[in-house]
PDB file of N, CA and C in Angstrom:
ATOM      1  N   UNK A   1      46.359 -24.976  50.646  1.00  0.00           N
ATOM      2  CA  UNK A   1      45.980 -23.599  50.907  1.00  0.00           C
ATOM      3  C   UNK A   1      45.254 -23.015  49.698  1.00  0.00           C
ATOM      4  N   UNK A   2      45.807 -23.224  48.497  1.00  0.00           N
ATOM      5  CA  UNK A   2      45.180 -22.675  47.297  1.00  0.00           C
ATOM      6  C   UNK A   2      43.797 -23.264  47.076  1.00  0.00           C
ATOM      7  N   UNK A   3      43.648 -24.564  47.365  1.00  0.00           N
ATOM      8  CA  UNK A   3      42.339 -25.194  47.196  1.00  0.00           C
ATOM      9  C   UNK A   3      41.318 -24.599  48.155  1.00  0.00           C
ATOM     10  N   UNK A   4      41.750 -24.299  49.361  1.00  0.00           N
ATOM     11  CA  UNK A   4      40.859 -23.684  50.339  1.00  0.00           C
ATOM     12  C   UNK A   4      40.408 -22.304  49.900  1.00  0.00           C
ATOM     13  N   UNK A   5      41.326 -21.517  49.363  1.00  0.00           N
ATOM     14  CA  UNK A   5      40.997 -20.175  48.872  1.00  0.00           C
ATOM     15  C   UNK A   5      40.071 -20.285  47.661  1.00  0.00           C
ATOM     16  N   UNK A   6      40.354 -21.231  46.780  1.00  0.00           N
ATOM     17  CA  UNK A   6      39.529 -21.447  45.601  1.00  0.00           C
ATOM     18  C   UNK A   6      38.121 -21.876  46.008  1.00  0.00           C
ATOM     19  N   UNK A   7      38.014 -22.773  46.959  1.00  0.00           N
ATOM     20  CA  UNK A   7      36.708 -23.231  47.431  1.00  0.00           C
ATOM     21  C   UNK A   7      35.935 -22.086  48.084  1.00  0.00           C
ATOM     22  N   UNK A   8      36.631 -21.282  48.878  1.00  0.00           N
ATOM     23  CA  UNK A   8      35.992 -20.134  49.516  1.00  0.00           C
ATOM     24  C   UNK A   8      35.498 -19.134  48.469  1.00  0.00           C
ATOM     25  N   UNK A   9      36.332 -18.877  47.451  1.00  0.00           N
ATOM     26  CA  UNK A   9      35.938 -17.964  46.374  1.00  0.00           C
ATOM     27  C   UNK A   9      34.727 -18.488  45.614  1.00  0.00           C
ATOM     28  N   UNK A  10      34.707 -19.782  45.327  1.00  0.00           N
ATOM     29  CA  UNK A  10      33.578 -20.387  44.622  1.00  0.00           C
ATOM     30  C   UNK A  10      32.313 -20.305  45.461  1.00  0.00           C
ATOM     31  N   UNK A  11      32.417 -20.554  46.764  1.00  0.00           N
ATOM     32  CA  UNK A  11      31.256 -20.464  47.652  1.00  0.00           C
ATOM     33  C   UNK A  11      30.715 -19.036  47.691  1.00  0.00           C
ATOM     34  N   UNK A  12      31.607 -18.052  47.698  1.00  0.00           N
ATOM     35  CA  UNK A  12      31.186 -16.649  47.701  1.00  0.00           C
ATOM     36  C   UNK A  12      30.461 -16.295  46.414  1.00  0.00           C
ATOM     37  N   UNK A  13      31.002 -16.726  45.286  1.00  0.00           N
ATOM     38  CA  UNK A  13      30.367 -16.449  43.988  1.00  0.00           C
ATOM     39  C   UNK A  13      28.980 -17.087  43.927  1.00  0.00           C
ATOM     40  N   UNK A  14      28.860 -18.327  44.380  1.00  0.00           N
ATOM     41  CA  UNK A  14      27.561 -19.005  44.364  1.00  0.00           C
ATOM     42  C   UNK A  14      26.548 -18.333  45.279  1.00  0.00           C
ATOM     43  N   UNK A  15      26.995 -17.873  46.441  1.00  0.00           N
ATOM     44  CA  UNK A  15      26.060 -17.198  47.347  1.00  0.00           C
ATOM     45  C   UNK A  15      25.615 -15.856  46.784  1.00  0.00           C
ATOM     46  N   UNK A  16      26.498 -15.134  46.132  1.00  0.00           N
ATOM     47  CA  UNK A  16      26.115 -13.872  45.498  1.00  0.00           C
ATOM     48  C   UNK A  16      25.165 -14.117  44.328  1.00  0.00           C
ATOM     49  N   UNK A  17      25.406 -15.151  43.576  1.00  0.00           N
ATOM     50  CA  UNK A  17      24.522 -15.482  42.456  1.00  0.00           C
ATOM     51  C   UNK A  17      23.131 -15.837  42.961  1.00  0.00           C
ATOM     52  N   UNK A  18      23.043 -16.546  44.078  1.00  0.00           N
ATOM     53  CA  UNK A  18      21.743 -16.917  44.640  1.00  0.00           C
ATOM     54  C   UNK A  18      20.980 -15.676  45.087  1.00  0.00           C
ATOM     55  N   UNK A  19      21.664 -14.698  45.648  1.00  0.00           N
ATOM     56  CA  UNK A  19      21.011 -13.463  46.095  1.00  0.00           C
ATOM     57  C   UNK A  19      20.505 -12.654  44.914  1.00  0.00           C
ATOM     58  N   UNK A  20      21.243 -12.621  43.849  1.00  0.00           N
ATOM     59  CA  UNK A  20      20.875 -11.771  42.714  1.00  0.00           C
ATOM     60  C   UNK A  20      19.743 -12.350  41.893  1.00  0.00           C
ATOM     61  N   UNK A  21      19.383 -13.629  42.110  1.00  0.00           N
ATOM     62  CA  UNK A  21      18.291 -14.222  41.346  1.00  0.00           C
ATOM     63  C   UNK A  21      16.978 -14.196  42.111  1.00  0.00           C
ATOM     64  N   UNK A  22      16.947 -13.587  43.279  1.00  0.00           N
ATOM     65  CA  UNK A  22      15.729 -13.513  44.071  1.00  0.00           C
ATOM     66  C   UNK A  22      14.764 -12.508  43.449  1.00  0.00           C
ATOM     67  N   UNK A  23      13.544 -12.939  43.182  1.00  0.00           N
ATOM     68  CA  UNK A  23      12.523 -12.057  42.607  1.00  0.00           C
ATOM     69  C   UNK A  23      11.654 -11.502  43.729  1.00  0.00           C
ATOM     70  N   UNK A  24      11.137 -10.281  43.521  1.00  0.00           N
ATOM     71  CA  UNK A  24      10.425  -9.606  44.606  1.00  0.00           C
ATOM     72  C   UNK A  24       9.332  -8.691  44.071  1.00  0.00           C
ATOM     73  N   UNK A  25       8.186  -8.716  44.733  1.00  0.00           N
ATOM     74  CA  UNK A  25       7.114  -7.742  44.510  1.00  0.00           C
ATOM     75  C   UNK A  25       7.166  -6.759  45.667  1.00  0.00           C
ATOM     76  N   UNK A  26       7.144  -5.469  45.352  1.00  0.00           N
ATOM     77  CA  UNK A  26       7.200  -4.438  46.391  1.00  0.00           C
ATOM     78  C   UNK A  26       5.979  -3.530  46.228  1.00  0.00           C
ATOM     79  N   UNK A  27       5.079  -3.569  47.204  1.00  0.00           N
ATOM     80  CA  UNK A  27       3.855  -2.772  47.183  1.00  0.00           C
ATOM     81  C   UNK A  27       4.028  -1.545  48.075  1.00  0.00           C
ATOM     82  N   UNK A  28       3.589  -0.387  47.601  1.00  0.00           N
ATOM     83  CA  UNK A  28       3.560   0.833  48.411  1.00  0.00           C
ATOM     84  C   UNK A  28       2.149   1.393  48.357  1.00  0.00           C
ATOM     85  N   UNK A  29       1.548   1.623  49.520  1.00  0.00           N
ATOM     86  CA  UNK A  29       0.182   2.140  49.601  1.00  0.00           C
ATOM     87  C   UNK A  29       0.217   3.657  49.664  1.00  0.00           C
ATOM     88  N   UNK A  30       0.023   4.289  48.509  1.00  0.00           N
ATOM     89  CA  UNK A  30       0.004   5.751  48.417  1.00  0.00           C
ATOM     90  C   UNK A  30      -1.424   6.281  48.274  1.00  0.00           C
ATOM     91  N   UNK A  31      -2.383   5.497  48.716  1.00  0.00           N
ATOM     92  CA  UNK A  31      -3.778   5.891  48.573  1.00  0.00           C
ATOM     93  C   UNK A  31      -4.255   6.702  49.774  1.00  0.00           C
ATOM     94  N   UNK A  32      -5.450   7.248  49.630  1.00  0.00           N
ATOM     95  CA  UNK A  32      -6.161   7.867  50.748  1.00  0.00           C
ATOM     96  C   UNK A  32      -7.325   6.963  51.145  1.00  0.00           C
ATOM     97  N   UNK A  33      -7.250   5.697  50.773  1.00  0.00           N
ATOM     98  CA  UNK A  33      -8.341   4.740  50.959  1.00  0.00           C
ATOM     99  C   UNK A  33      -8.250   3.954  52.252  1.00  0.00           C
ATOM    100  N   UNK A  34      -7.227   4.192  53.037  1.00  0.00           N
ATOM    101  CA  UNK A  34      -7.044   3.400  54.246  1.00  0.00           C
ATOM    102  C   UNK A  34      -6.145   2.216  53.963  1.00  0.00           C
ATOM    103  N   UNK A  35      -6.127   1.254  54.862  1.00  0.00           N
ATOM    104  CA  UNK A  35      -5.239   0.105  54.679  1.00  0.00           C
ATOM    105  C   UNK A  35      -5.673  -0.752  53.491  1.00  0.00           C
ATOM    106  N   UNK A  36      -4.710  -1.200  52.728  1.00  0.00           N
ATOM    107  CA  UNK A  36      -4.984  -2.082  51.598  1.00  0.00           C
ATOM    108  C   UNK A  36      -4.811  -3.524  52.061  1.00  0.00           C
ATOM    109  N   UNK A  37      -5.713  -4.379  51.615  1.00  0.00           N
ATOM    110  CA  UNK A  37      -5.569  -5.812  51.862  1.00  0.00           C
ATOM    111  C   UNK A  37      -5.082  -6.431  50.559  1.00  0.00           C
ATOM    112  N   UNK A  38      -3.949  -7.106  50.623  1.00  0.00           N
ATOM    113  CA  UNK A  38      -3.337  -7.707  49.438  1.00  0.00           C
ATOM    114  C   UNK A  38      -3.349  -9.215  49.612  1.00  0.00           C
ATOM    115  N   UNK A  39      -3.973  -9.897  48.665  1.00  0.00           N
ATOM    116  CA  UNK A  39      -3.961 -11.359  48.651  1.00  0.00           C
ATOM    117  C   UNK A  39      -3.118 -11.799  47.472  1.00  0.00           C
ATOM    118  N   UNK A  40      -2.039 -12.518  47.758  1.00  0.00           N
ATOM    119  CA  UNK A  40      -1.108 -12.987  46.734  1.00  0.00           C
ATOM    120  C   UNK A  40      -1.278 -14.496  46.589  1.00  0.00           C
ATOM    121  N   UNK A  41      -1.573 -14.933  45.342  1.00  0.00           N
ATOM    122  CA  UNK A  41      -1.819 -16.347  45.070  1.00  0.00           C
ATOM    123  C   UNK A  41      -0.818 -16.872  44.062  1.00  0.00           C
ATOM    124  N   UNK A  42      -0.162 -17.964  44.394  1.00  0.00           N
ATOM    125  CA  UNK A  42       0.695 -18.691  43.467  1.00  0.00           C
ATOM    126  C   UNK A  42      -0.255 -19.537  42.623  1.00  0.00           C
ATOM    127  N   UNK A  43      -0.382 -19.236  41.328  1.00  0.00           N
ATOM    128  CA  UNK A  43      -1.371 -19.922  40.502  1.00  0.00           C
ATOM    129  C   UNK A  43      -0.989 -21.367  40.195  1.00  0.00           C
ATOM    130  N   UNK A  44       0.256 -21.737  40.404  1.00  0.00           N
ATOM    131  CA  UNK A  44       0.688 -23.118  40.173  1.00  0.00           C
ATOM    132  C   UNK A  44       0.248 -24.012  41.335  1.00  0.00           C
ATOM    133  N   UNK A  45       0.532 -23.564  42.555  1.00  0.00           N
ATOM    134  CA  UNK A  45       0.218 -24.367  43.739  1.00  0.00           C
ATOM    135  C   UNK A  45      -1.156 -24.045  44.321  1.00  0.00           C
ATOM    136  N   UNK A  46      -1.688 -22.858  44.007  1.00  0.00           N
ATOM    137  CA  UNK A  46      -2.961 -22.433  44.574  1.00  0.00           C
ATOM    138  C   UNK A  46      -2.832 -21.853  45.970  1.00  0.00           C
ATOM    139  N   UNK A  47      -1.619 -21.816  46.516  1.00  0.00           N
ATOM    140  CA  UNK A  47      -1.447 -21.270  47.868  1.00  0.00           C
ATOM    141  C   UNK A  47      -1.585 -19.753  47.841  1.00  0.00           C
ATOM    142  N   UNK A  48      -2.264 -19.234  48.856  1.00  0.00           N
ATOM    143  CA  UNK A  48      -2.517 -17.794  48.933  1.00  0.00           C
ATOM    144  C   UNK A  48      -2.115 -17.272  50.304  1.00  0.00           C
ATOM    145  N   UNK A  49      -1.608 -16.035  50.311  1.00  0.00           N
ATOM    146  CA  UNK A  49      -1.261 -15.342  51.552  1.00  0.00           C
ATOM    147  C   UNK A  49      -1.902 -13.961  51.504  1.00  0.00           C
ATOM    148  N   UNK A  50      -2.369 -13.496  52.658  1.00  0.00           N
ATOM    149  CA  UNK A  50      -3.027 -12.194  52.737  1.00  0.00           C
ATOM    150  C   UNK A  50      -2.241 -11.284  53.676  1.00  0.00           C
ATOM    151  N   UNK A  51      -2.088 -10.033  53.248  1.00  0.00           N
ATOM    152  CA  UNK A  51      -1.320  -9.035  53.994  1.00  0.00           C
ATOM    153  C   UNK A  51      -2.144  -7.760  54.088  1.00  0.00           C
ATOM    154  N   UNK A  52      -1.949  -6.996  55.156  1.00  0.00           N
ATOM    155  CA  UNK A  52      -2.572  -5.681  55.301  1.00  0.00           C
ATOM    156  C   UNK A  52      -1.467  -4.643  55.249  1.00  0.00           C
ATOM    157  N   UNK A  53      -1.676  -3.636  54.398  1.00  0.00           N
ATOM    158  CA  UNK A  53      -0.664  -2.609  54.181  1.00  0.00           C
ATOM    159  C   UNK A  53      -1.255  -1.231  54.487  1.00  0.00           C
ATOM    160  N   UNK A  54      -0.767  -0.606  55.552  1.00  0.00           N
ATOM    161  CA  UNK A  54      -1.257   0.719  55.949  1.00  0.00           C
ATOM    162  C   UNK A  54      -0.842   1.777  54.928  1.00  0.00           C
ATOM    163  N   UNK A  55      -1.532   2.899  54.955  1.00  0.00           N
ATOM    164  CA  UNK A  55      -1.197   4.018  54.064  1.00  0.00           C
ATOM    165  C   UNK A  55       0.243   4.455  54.293  1.00  0.00           C
ATOM    166  N   UNK A  56       0.925   4.805  53.200  1.00  0.00           N
ATOM    167  CA  UNK A  56       2.306   5.278  53.190  1.00  0.00           C
ATOM    168  C   UNK A  56       3.312   4.221  53.673  1.00  0.00           C
ATOM    169  N   UNK A  57       2.925   2.967  53.681  1.00  0.00           N
ATOM    170  CA  UNK A  57       3.821   1.890  54.059  1.00  0.00           C
ATOM    171  C   UNK A  57       4.193   1.064  52.829  1.00  0.00           C
ATOM    172  N   UNK A  58       5.287   0.308  52.931  1.00  0.00           N
ATOM    173  CA  UNK A  58       5.763  -0.544  51.842  1.00  0.00           C
ATOM    174  C   UNK A  58       5.871  -1.977  52.344  1.00  0.00           C
ATOM    175  N   UNK A  59       5.519  -2.905  51.476  1.00  0.00           N
ATOM    176  CA  UNK A  59       5.580  -4.334  51.771  1.00  0.00           C
ATOM    177  C   UNK A  59       6.366  -5.018  50.666  1.00  0.00           C
ATOM    178  N   UNK A  60       7.417  -5.752  51.018  1.00  0.00           N
ATOM    179  CA  UNK A  60       8.223  -6.494  50.050  1.00  0.00           C
ATOM    180  C   UNK A  60       7.967  -7.977  50.228  1.00  0.00           C
ATOM    181  N   UNK A  61       7.661  -8.651  49.111  1.00  0.00           N
ATOM    182  CA  UNK A  61       7.369 -10.078  49.144  1.00  0.00           C
ATOM    183  C   UNK A  61       8.262 -10.805  48.151  1.00  0.00           C
ATOM    184  N   UNK A  62       8.991 -11.781  48.624  1.00  0.00           N
ATOM    185  CA  UNK A  62       9.802 -12.605  47.727  1.00  0.00           C
ATOM    186  C   UNK A  62       8.893 -13.615  47.040  1.00  0.00           C
ATOM    187  N   UNK A  63       9.101 -13.786  45.742  1.00  0.00           N
ATOM    188  CA  UNK A  63       8.307 -14.734  44.970  1.00  0.00           C
ATOM    189  C   UNK A  63       9.236 -15.599  44.129  1.00  0.00           C
ATOM    190  N   UNK A  64       8.717 -16.717  43.660  1.00  0.00           N
ATOM    191  CA  UNK A  64       9.491 -17.594  42.798  1.00  0.00           C
ATOM    192  C   UNK A  64       9.512 -17.010  41.390  1.00  0.00           C
ATOM    193  N   UNK A  65      10.670 -17.049  40.773  1.00  0.00           N
ATOM    194  CA  UNK A  65      10.806 -16.567  39.400  1.00  0.00           C
ATOM    195  C   UNK A  65      10.079 -17.511  38.441  1.00  0.00           C
ATOM    196  N   UNK A  66       9.572 -16.934  37.354  1.00  0.00           N
ATOM    197  CA  UNK A  66       8.920 -17.678  36.272  1.00  0.00           C
ATOM    198  C   UNK A  66       7.640 -18.390  36.709  1.00  0.00           C
ATOM    199  N   UNK A  67       7.054 -17.955  37.817  1.00  0.00           N
ATOM    200  CA  UNK A  67       5.778 -18.500  38.283  1.00  0.00           C
ATOM    201  C   UNK A  67       4.735 -17.395  38.169  1.00  0.00           C
ATOM    202  N   UNK A  68       3.557 -17.743  37.666  1.00  0.00           N
ATOM    203  CA  UNK A  68       2.481 -16.761  37.540  1.00  0.00           C
ATOM    204  C   UNK A  68       1.819 -16.565  38.901  1.00  0.00           C
ATOM    205  N   UNK A  69       1.784 -15.310  39.348  1.00  0.00           N
ATOM    206  CA  UNK A  69       1.121 -14.934  40.598  1.00  0.00           C
ATOM    207  C   UNK A  69      -0.050 -14.014  40.278  1.00  0.00           C
ATOM    208  N   UNK A  70      -1.081 -14.110  41.103  1.00  0.00           N
ATOM    209  CA  UNK A  70      -2.215 -13.193  40.999  1.00  0.00           C
ATOM    210  C   UNK A  70      -2.288 -12.448  42.325  1.00  0.00           C
ATOM    211  N   UNK A  71      -2.361 -11.119  42.230  1.00  0.00           N
ATOM    212  CA  UNK A  71      -2.566 -10.364  43.468  1.00  0.00           C
ATOM    213  C   UNK A  71      -3.854  -9.568  43.339  1.00  0.00           C
ATOM    214  N   UNK A  72      -4.587  -9.573  44.443  1.00  0.00           N
ATOM    215  CA  UNK A  72      -5.842  -8.834  44.521  1.00  0.00           C
ATOM    216  C   UNK A  72      -5.694  -7.813  45.638  1.00  0.00           C
ATOM    217  N   UNK A  73      -6.059  -6.577  45.327  1.00  0.00           N
ATOM    218  CA  UNK A  73      -5.964  -5.489  46.302  1.00  0.00           C
ATOM    219  C   UNK A  73      -7.375  -4.989  46.584  1.00  0.00           C
ATOM    220  N   UNK A  74      -7.748  -4.964  47.851  1.00  0.00           N
ATOM    221  CA  UNK A  74      -9.052  -4.433  48.254  1.00  0.00           C
ATOM    222  C   UNK A  74      -8.845  -3.415  49.371  1.00  0.00           C
ATOM    223  N   UNK A  75      -9.873  -2.585  49.577  1.00  0.00           N
ATOM    224  CA  UNK A  75      -9.826  -1.533  50.587  1.00  0.00           C
ATOM    225  C   UNK A  75     -11.096  -1.597  51.423  1.00  0.00           C
ATOM    226  N   UNK A  76     -11.053  -1.057  52.660  1.00  0.00           N
ATOM    227  CA  UNK A  76     -12.280  -1.026  53.463  1.00  0.00           C
ATOM    228  C   UNK A  76     -13.306  -0.099  52.811  1.00  0.00           C
ATOM    229  N   UNK A  77     -14.564  -0.437  52.945  1.00  0.00           N
ATOM    230  CA  UNK A  77     -15.635   0.415  52.396  1.00  0.00           C
ATOM    231  C   UNK A  77     -15.892   1.577  53.340  1.00  0.00           C
ATOM    232  N   UNK A  78     -15.876   2.802  52.795  1.00  0.00           N
ATOM    233  CA  UNK A  78     -16.145   3.999  53.586  1.00  0.00           C
ATOM    234  C   UNK A  78     -16.861   4.999  52.682  1.00  0.00           C
ATOM    235  N   UNK A  79     -18.212   5.016  52.722  1.00  0.00           N
ATOM    236  CA  UNK A  79     -18.976   5.912  51.846  1.00  0.00           C
ATOM    237  C   UNK A  79     -18.701   7.395  52.091  1.00  0.00           C
ATOM    238  N   UNK A  80     -18.137   7.750  53.243  1.00  0.00           N
ATOM    239  CA  UNK A  80     -17.869   9.153  53.553  1.00  0.00           C
ATOM    240  C   UNK A  80     -16.682   9.697  52.758  1.00  0.00           C
ATOM    241  N   UNK A  81     -15.830   8.838  52.245  1.00  0.00           N
ATOM    242  CA  UNK A  81     -14.647   9.288  51.497  1.00  0.00           C
ATOM    243  C   UNK A  81     -15.033   9.666  50.071  1.00  0.00           C
ATOM    244  N   UNK A  82     -14.395  10.667  49.529  1.00  0.00           N
ATOM    245  CA  UNK A  82     -14.655  11.143  48.170  1.00  0.00           C
ATOM    246  C   UNK A  82     -13.635  10.571  47.187  1.00  0.00           C
ATOM    247  N   UNK A  83     -13.255   9.333  47.381  1.00  0.00           N
ATOM    248  CA  UNK A  83     -12.196   8.730  46.577  1.00  0.00           C
ATOM    249  C   UNK A  83     -12.653   7.359  46.096  1.00  0.00           C
ATOM    250  N   UNK A  84     -12.317   7.035  44.858  1.00  0.00           N
ATOM    251  CA  UNK A  84     -12.587   5.707  44.319  1.00  0.00           C
ATOM    252  C   UNK A  84     -11.596   4.716  44.911  1.00  0.00           C
ATOM    253  N   UNK A  85     -12.081   3.726  45.574  1.00  0.00           N
ATOM    254  CA  UNK A  85     -11.224   2.712  46.179  1.00  0.00           C
ATOM    255  C   UNK A  85     -11.664   1.340  45.686  1.00  0.00           C
ATOM    256  N   UNK A  86     -11.601   1.150  44.401  1.00  0.00           N
ATOM    257  CA  UNK A  86     -12.068  -0.085  43.795  1.00  0.00           C
ATOM    258  C   UNK A  86     -11.010  -1.176  43.897  1.00  0.00           C
ATOM    259  N   UNK A  87     -11.457  -2.414  44.056  1.00  0.00           N
ATOM    260  CA  UNK A  87     -10.499  -3.524  44.102  1.00  0.00           C
ATOM    261  C   UNK A  87      -9.833  -3.728  42.745  1.00  0.00           C
ATOM    262  N   UNK A  88      -8.655  -4.282  42.774  1.00  0.00           N
ATOM    263  CA  UNK A  88      -7.880  -4.569  41.563  1.00  0.00           C
ATOM    264  C   UNK A  88      -7.368  -5.998  41.643  1.00  0.00           C
ATOM    265  N   UNK A  89      -7.364  -6.683  40.498  1.00  0.00           N
ATOM    266  CA  UNK A  89      -6.764  -8.013  40.400  1.00  0.00           C
ATOM    267  C   UNK A  89      -5.817  -8.008  39.214  1.00  0.00           C
ATOM    268  N   UNK A  90      -4.571  -8.417  39.436  1.00  0.00           N
ATOM    269  CA  UNK A  90      -3.540  -8.386  38.403  1.00  0.00           C
ATOM    270  C   UNK A  90      -2.760  -9.698  38.455  1.00  0.00           C
ATOM    271  N   UNK A  91      -2.342 -10.186  37.287  1.00  0.00           N
ATOM    272  CA  UNK A  91      -1.457 -11.351  37.240  1.00  0.00           C
ATOM    273  C   UNK A  91      -0.085 -10.901  36.760  1.00  0.00           C
ATOM    274  N   UNK A  92       0.945 -11.501  37.342  1.00  0.00           N
ATOM    275  CA  UNK A  92       2.317 -11.091  37.036  1.00  0.00           C
ATOM    276  C   UNK A  92       3.248 -12.298  37.125  1.00  0.00           C
ATOM    277  N   UNK A  93       4.258 -12.300  36.262  1.00  0.00           N
ATOM    278  CA  UNK A  93       5.298 -13.330  36.281  1.00  0.00           C
ATOM    279  C   UNK A  93       6.633 -12.590  36.208  1.00  0.00           C
ATOM    280  N   UNK A  94       7.525 -12.854  37.164  1.00  0.00           N
ATOM    281  CA  UNK A  94       8.811 -12.157  37.222  1.00  0.00           C
ATOM    282  C   UNK A  94       9.945 -13.049  36.738  1.00  0.00           C
ATOM    283  N   UNK A  95      10.930 -12.414  36.145  1.00  0.00           N
ATOM    284  CA  UNK A  95      12.167 -13.105  35.752  1.00  0.00           C
ATOM    285  C   UNK A  95      13.058 -13.272  36.982  1.00  0.00           C
ATOM    286  N   UNK A  96      14.030 -14.170  36.918  1.00  0.00           N
ATOM    287  CA  UNK A  96      14.962 -14.311  38.042  1.00  0.00           C
ATOM    288  C   UNK A  96      15.651 -12.975  38.351  1.00  0.00           C
ATOM    289  N   UNK A  97      15.636 -12.571  39.609  1.00  0.00           N
ATOM    290  CA  UNK A  97      16.278 -11.340  40.035  1.00  0.00           C
ATOM    291  C   UNK A  97      15.471 -10.074  39.795  1.00  0.00           C
ATOM    292  N   UNK A  98      14.299 -10.188  39.178  1.00  0.00           N
ATOM    293  CA  UNK A  98      13.495  -8.998  38.875  1.00  0.00           C
ATOM    294  C   UNK A  98      12.751  -8.528  40.118  1.00  0.00           C
ATOM    295  N   UNK A  99      12.714  -7.211  40.290  1.00  0.00           N
ATOM    296  CA  UNK A  99      11.925  -6.580  41.349  1.00  0.00           C
ATOM    297  C   UNK A  99      10.895  -5.687  40.689  1.00  0.00           C
ATOM    298  N   UNK A 100       9.661  -5.839  41.109  1.00  0.00           N
ATOM    299  CA  UNK A 100       8.577  -5.042  40.547  1.00  0.00           C
ATOM    300  C   UNK A 100       8.010  -4.160  41.639  1.00  0.00           C
ATOM    301  N   UNK A 101       8.068  -2.829  41.439  1.00  0.00           N
ATOM    302  CA  UNK A 101       7.501  -1.869  42.378  1.00  0.00           C
ATOM    303  C   UNK A 101       6.069  -1.563  41.954  1.00  0.00           C
ATOM    304  N   UNK A 102       5.131  -1.761  42.868  1.00  0.00           N
ATOM    305  CA  UNK A 102       3.711  -1.536  42.597  1.00  0.00           C
ATOM    306  C   UNK A 102       3.240  -0.436  43.520  1.00  0.00           C
ATOM    307  N   UNK A 103       2.895   0.702  42.941  1.00  0.00           N
ATOM    308  CA  UNK A 103       2.433   1.844  43.720  1.00  0.00           C
ATOM    309  C   UNK A 103       0.913   1.893  43.669  1.00  0.00           C
ATOM    310  N   UNK A 104       0.270   1.692  44.800  1.00  0.00           N
ATOM    311  CA  UNK A 104      -1.183   1.766  44.901  1.00  0.00           C
ATOM    312  C   UNK A 104      -1.547   3.225  45.084  1.00  0.00           C
ATOM    313  N   UNK A 105      -2.393   3.750  44.193  1.00  0.00           N
ATOM    314  CA  UNK A 105      -2.755   5.165  44.246  1.00  0.00           C
ATOM    315  C   UNK A 105      -4.256   5.345  44.117  1.00  0.00           C
ATOM    316  N   UNK A 106      -4.795   6.362  44.774  1.00  0.00           N
ATOM    317  CA  UNK A 106      -6.219   6.657  44.694  1.00  0.00           C
ATOM    318  C   UNK A 106      -6.454   7.792  43.704  1.00  0.00           C
ATOM    319  N   UNK A 107      -7.674   7.827  43.192  1.00  0.00           N
ATOM    320  CA  UNK A 107      -8.049   8.848  42.219  1.00  0.00           C
ATOM    321  C   UNK A 107      -9.291   9.572  42.745  1.00  0.00           C
ATOM    322  N   UNK A 108      -9.234  10.910  42.885  1.00  0.00           N
ATOM    323  CA  UNK A 108     -10.423  11.651  43.334  1.00  0.00           C
ATOM    324  C   UNK A 108     -11.577  11.456  42.343  1.00  0.00           C
ATOM    325  N   UNK A 109     -12.801  11.362  42.855  1.00  0.00           N
ATOM    326  CA  UNK A 109     -13.970  11.194  41.987  1.00  0.00           C
ATOM    327  C   UNK A 109     -14.073  12.358  41.014  1.00  0.00           C
ATOM    328  N   UNK A 110     -14.518  12.041  39.798  1.00  0.00           N
ATOM    329  CA  UNK A 110     -14.736  13.085  38.806  1.00  0.00           C
ATOM    330  C   UNK A 110     -13.527  13.343  37.930  1.00  0.00           C
ATOM    331  N   UNK A 111     -12.415  12.615  38.100  1.00  0.00           N
ATOM    332  CA  UNK A 111     -11.240  12.813  37.234  1.00  0.00           C
ATOM    333  C   UNK A 111     -11.035  11.637  36.338  1.00  0.00           C
TER     334      UNK A 111
END
């Protein structure tokens, strides 16, 4: 009986430890630029995934810890808008269990 309880306790501790080491990028589109297109590339494997994020929405992506990722954010072209919607490319490496919140924001022209 004690061994069963001990094994169950050890399994619980290991499962909690696995959850706490999950790294995550969290994007929030707070722009007035329309939907953001986010391309996330694992620079080690070269694999890339593309996501579309509507305005005022949030996207959470699990990533491998200690791996360099590059994300590129682009927006649809709309000359009628009075807002700078320039593409951005950033590289990031997260520690185990780290969550990075990335707030996409627009800037009115002339500021």
